[in-house]
C-alpha atoms as a PDB file:
ATOM      1  CA  MET A   1     -26.336 -42.483   8.567  1.00  0.00           C
ATOM      2  CA  THR A   2     -29.878 -42.942   6.738  1.00  0.00           C
ATOM      3  CA  THR A   3     -32.179 -45.797   5.637  1.00  0.00           C
ATOM      4  CA  SER A   4     -34.279 -45.418   2.862  1.00  0.00           C
ATOM      5  CA  VAL A   5     -36.985 -47.902   3.723  1.00  0.00           C
ATOM      6  CA  ASP A   6     -40.130 -48.664   1.410  1.00  0.00           C
ATOM      7  CA  ASP A   7     -42.975 -48.592   4.179  1.00  0.00           C
ATOM      8  CA  ASP A   8     -45.522 -50.312   1.550  1.00  0.00           C
ATOM      9  CA  LEU A   9     -43.329 -53.062   1.640  1.00  0.00           C
ATOM     10  CA  TRP A  10     -42.648 -53.247   5.927  1.00  0.00           C
ATOM     11  CA  SER A  11     -46.434 -52.922   6.084  1.00  0.00           C
ATOM     12  CA  ALA A  12     -46.842 -56.186   3.571  1.00  0.00           C
ATOM     13  CA  VAL A  13     -44.525 -58.039   5.669  1.00  0.00           C
ATOM     14  CA  GLY A  14     -45.806 -56.880   9.146  1.00  0.00           C
ATOM     15  CA  ASP A  15     -48.224 -58.763   9.436  1.00  0.00           C
ATOM     16  CA  PRO A  16     -47.603 -62.577  10.605  1.00  0.00           C
ATOM     17  CA  THR A  17     -50.213 -64.205   8.102  1.00  0.00           C
ATOM     18  CA  ARG A  18     -48.300 -62.879   5.261  1.00  0.00           C
ATOM     19  CA  ARG A  19     -44.989 -63.701   6.393  1.00  0.00           C
ATOM     20  CA  ARG A  20     -46.338 -67.112   6.773  1.00  0.00           C
ATOM     21  CA  MET A  21     -47.319 -67.729   3.508  1.00  0.00           C
ATOM     22  CA  LEU A  22     -43.800 -66.273   2.048  1.00  0.00           C
ATOM     23  CA  ASP A  23     -42.321 -68.669   4.084  1.00  0.00           C
ATOM     24  CA  LEU A  24     -44.718 -71.840   2.816  1.00  0.00           C
ATOM     25  CA  LEU A  25     -44.215 -69.993  -0.508  1.00  0.00           C
ATOM     26  CA  LEU A  26     -40.244 -70.091  -0.265  1.00  0.00           C
ATOM     27  CA  GLU A  27     -40.180 -74.344   0.908  1.00  0.00           C
ATOM     28  CA  GLN A  28     -42.779 -74.985  -1.363  1.00  0.00           C
ATOM     29  CA  GLY A  29     -41.369 -73.150  -4.307  1.00  0.00           C
ATOM     30  CA  ALA A  30     -44.980 -71.788  -5.522  1.00  0.00           C
ATOM     31  CA  GLY A  31     -48.494 -71.715  -4.297  1.00  0.00           C
ATOM     32  CA  THR A  32     -52.331 -70.951  -4.518  1.00  0.00           C
ATOM     33  CA  ALA A  33     -54.558 -69.621  -2.470  1.00  0.00           C
ATOM     34  CA  THR A  34     -56.251 -72.894  -2.448  1.00  0.00           C
ATOM     35  CA  SER A  35     -52.815 -74.811  -1.451  1.00  0.00           C
ATOM     36  CA  LEU A  36     -52.139 -72.241   1.302  1.00  0.00           C
ATOM     37  CA  SER A  37     -55.249 -72.274   2.779  1.00  0.00           C
ATOM     38  CA  GLU A  38     -55.117 -75.876   3.624  1.00  0.00           C
ATOM     39  CA  ARG A  39     -51.741 -74.974   5.554  1.00  0.00           C
ATOM     40  CA  LEU A  40     -52.866 -72.269   7.808  1.00  0.00           C
ATOM     41  CA  PRO A  41     -55.593 -71.738   9.681  1.00  0.00           C
ATOM     42  CA  VAL A  42     -57.489 -68.295   7.382  1.00  0.00           C
ATOM     43  CA  THR A  43     -60.133 -68.623   5.044  1.00  0.00           C
ATOM     44  CA  ARG A  44     -59.206 -68.760   0.977  1.00  0.00           C
ATOM     45  CA  GLN A  45     -60.741 -65.477   0.196  1.00  0.00           C
ATOM     46  CA  ALA A  46     -58.712 -64.122   3.360  1.00  0.00           C
ATOM     47  CA  ILE A  47     -55.665 -65.366   1.971  1.00  0.00           C
ATOM     48  CA  ALA A  48     -56.170 -64.415  -2.155  1.00  0.00           C
ATOM     49  CA  LYS A  49     -56.871 -60.676  -0.374  1.00  0.00           C
ATOM     50  CA  HIS A  50     -53.087 -61.294   1.334  1.00  0.00           C
ATOM     51  CA  LEU A  51     -51.646 -62.563  -1.606  1.00  0.00           C
ATOM     52  CA  VAL A  52     -52.731 -59.186  -3.550  1.00  0.00           C
ATOM     53  CA  VAL A  53     -50.855 -57.037  -0.648  1.00  0.00           C
ATOM     54  CA  LEU A  54     -48.208 -59.444  -1.640  1.00  0.00           C
ATOM     55  CA  ASP A  55     -48.620 -59.132  -5.047  1.00  0.00           C
ATOM     56  CA  ARG A  56     -48.741 -55.227  -5.277  1.00  0.00           C
ATOM     57  CA  VAL A  57     -45.449 -54.765  -3.191  1.00  0.00           C
ATOM     58  CA  GLY A  58     -43.385 -56.833  -5.361  1.00  0.00           C
ATOM     59  CA  LEU A  59     -42.631 -59.822  -3.295  1.00  0.00           C
ATOM     60  CA  VAL A  60     -44.910 -62.316  -4.870  1.00  0.00           C
ATOM     61  CA  HIS A  61     -46.157 -62.588  -8.735  1.00  0.00           C
ATOM     62  CA  GLY A  62     -49.321 -64.840  -9.816  1.00  0.00           C
ATOM     63  CA  THR A  63     -49.132 -66.388 -12.656  1.00  0.00           C
ATOM     64  CA  THR A  64     -52.645 -68.025 -14.349  1.00  0.00           C
ATOM     65  CA  ALA A  65     -52.846 -71.561 -13.480  1.00  0.00           C
ATOM     66  CA  GLY A  66     -56.525 -73.138 -14.563  1.00  0.00           C
ATOM     67  CA  ARG A  67     -58.461 -71.261 -12.671  1.00  0.00           C
ATOM     68  CA  GLU A  68     -56.440 -70.260  -9.614  1.00  0.00           C
ATOM     69  CA  ARG A  69     -53.002 -67.962  -9.978  1.00  0.00           C
ATOM     70  CA  ARG A  70     -50.099 -69.519  -8.852  1.00  0.00           C
ATOM     71  CA  TYR A  71     -47.928 -67.223  -6.499  1.00  0.00           C
ATOM     72  CA  GLU A  72     -43.835 -67.085  -6.692  1.00  0.00           C
ATOM     73  CA  VAL A  73     -41.620 -65.219  -4.184  1.00  0.00           C
ATOM     74  CA  ASP A  74     -39.681 -62.458  -6.341  1.00  0.00           C
ATOM     75  CA  ASP A  75     -36.062 -63.493  -4.992  1.00  0.00           C
ATOM     76  CA  GLU A  76     -34.926 -59.952  -6.456  1.00  0.00           C
ATOM     77  CA  GLN A  77     -37.535 -58.042  -3.875  1.00  0.00           C
ATOM     78  CA  LEU A  78     -36.968 -60.373  -1.400  1.00  0.00           C
ATOM     79  CA  GLU A  79     -33.651 -59.415  -1.256  1.00  0.00           C
ATOM     80  CA  ARG A  80     -34.123 -55.992  -1.439  1.00  0.00           C
ATOM     81  CA  ALA A  81     -36.608 -56.133   1.590  1.00  0.00           C
ATOM     82  CA  VAL A  82     -33.474 -58.154   3.761  1.00  0.00           C
ATOM     83  CA  ALA A  83     -31.345 -55.692   2.715  1.00  0.00           C
ATOM     84  CA  GLN A  84     -33.591 -53.198   3.990  1.00  0.00           C
ATOM     85  CA  LEU A  85     -33.905 -54.697   7.292  1.00  0.00           C
ATOM     86  CA  ASN A  86     -30.224 -54.924   7.342  1.00  0.00           C
ATOM     87  CA  ALA A  87     -29.752 -51.528   6.974  1.00  0.00           C
ATOM     88  CA  VAL A  88     -32.299 -50.455   9.767  1.00  0.00           C
ATOM     89  CA  GLY A  89     -31.174 -53.177  12.443  1.00  0.00           C
ATOM     90  CA  SER A  90     -27.349 -51.150  11.872  1.00  0.00           C
ATOM     91  CA  ALA A  91     -28.918 -47.862  12.232  1.00  0.00           C
ATOM     92  CA  TRP A  92     -30.516 -49.347  15.167  1.00  0.00           C
ATOM     93  CA  ASP A  93     -27.471 -50.956  16.630  1.00  0.00           C
ATOM     94  CA  ALA A  94     -25.507 -47.594  16.316  1.00  0.00           C
ATOM     95  CA  ARG A  95     -28.331 -45.511  17.640  1.00  0.00           C
ATOM     96  CA  LEU A  96     -28.482 -48.041  20.948  1.00  0.00           C
ATOM     97  CA  ALA A  97     -24.693 -48.179  21.436  1.00  0.00           C
ATOM     98  CA  ARG A  98     -24.815 -44.637  21.563  1.00  0.00           C
ATOM     99  CA  ILE A  99     -27.185 -44.069  24.342  1.00  0.00           C
ATOM    100  CA  LYS A 100     -25.175 -46.878  26.036  1.00  0.00           C
ATOM    101  CA  ARG A 101     -21.936 -45.243  26.064  1.00  0.00           C
ATOM    102  CA  ILE A 102     -24.633 -41.525  27.247  1.00  0.00           C
ATOM    103  CA  ALA A 103     -25.885 -43.708  30.025  1.00  0.00           C
ATOM    104  CA  GLU A 104     -22.712 -45.205  30.986  1.00  0.00           C
ATOM    105  CA  ALA A 105     -20.790 -41.592  31.206  1.00  0.00           C
ATOM    106  CA  ILE A 106     -24.036 -40.271  33.271  1.00  0.00           C
ATOM    107  CA  ALA A 107     -23.507 -43.131  35.633  1.00  0.00           C
ATOM    108  CA  ALA A 108     -20.043 -42.555  35.815  1.00  0.00           C
ATOM    109  CA  ASN A 109     -20.028 -39.034  36.885  1.00  0.00           C
ATOM    110  CA  LYS A 110     -22.982 -39.770  39.684  1.00  0.00           C
ATOM    111  CA  THR A 111     -20.363 -42.286  40.904  1.00  0.00           C
ATOM    112  CA  ASN A 112     -17.310 -39.756  40.371  1.00  0.00           C
ATOM    113  CA  GLU A 113     -19.639 -36.822  42.342  1.00  0.00           C
ATOM    114  CA  LYS A 114     -20.245 -39.517  45.487  1.00  0.00           C
ATOM    115  CA  GLU A 115     -16.535 -39.788  45.621  1.00  0.00           C
END
């Protein structure tokens, strides 16, 4: 089973601050660098840089709202990310099940050899 993974997407969500930002945006519906920085232990400037990364991979989209940009999560891109994660998880589940069967066979052979 071959799973196509968007490395840029997973690099973007690999950062815990960006994942928390996505959680907050989903919870609030939208947010700005300022509103997000009020809820996270990160500066507004750092939040703005994280938002650029999330925007570049399409997980969020910003629109100008006065002097700031207001960001919302792109539901389709988020669904794509979740589908990729599920596919990767399924592939690893299959690999681990195969490793378990091999290990059990080796253990059974050793037990049979001792008898």
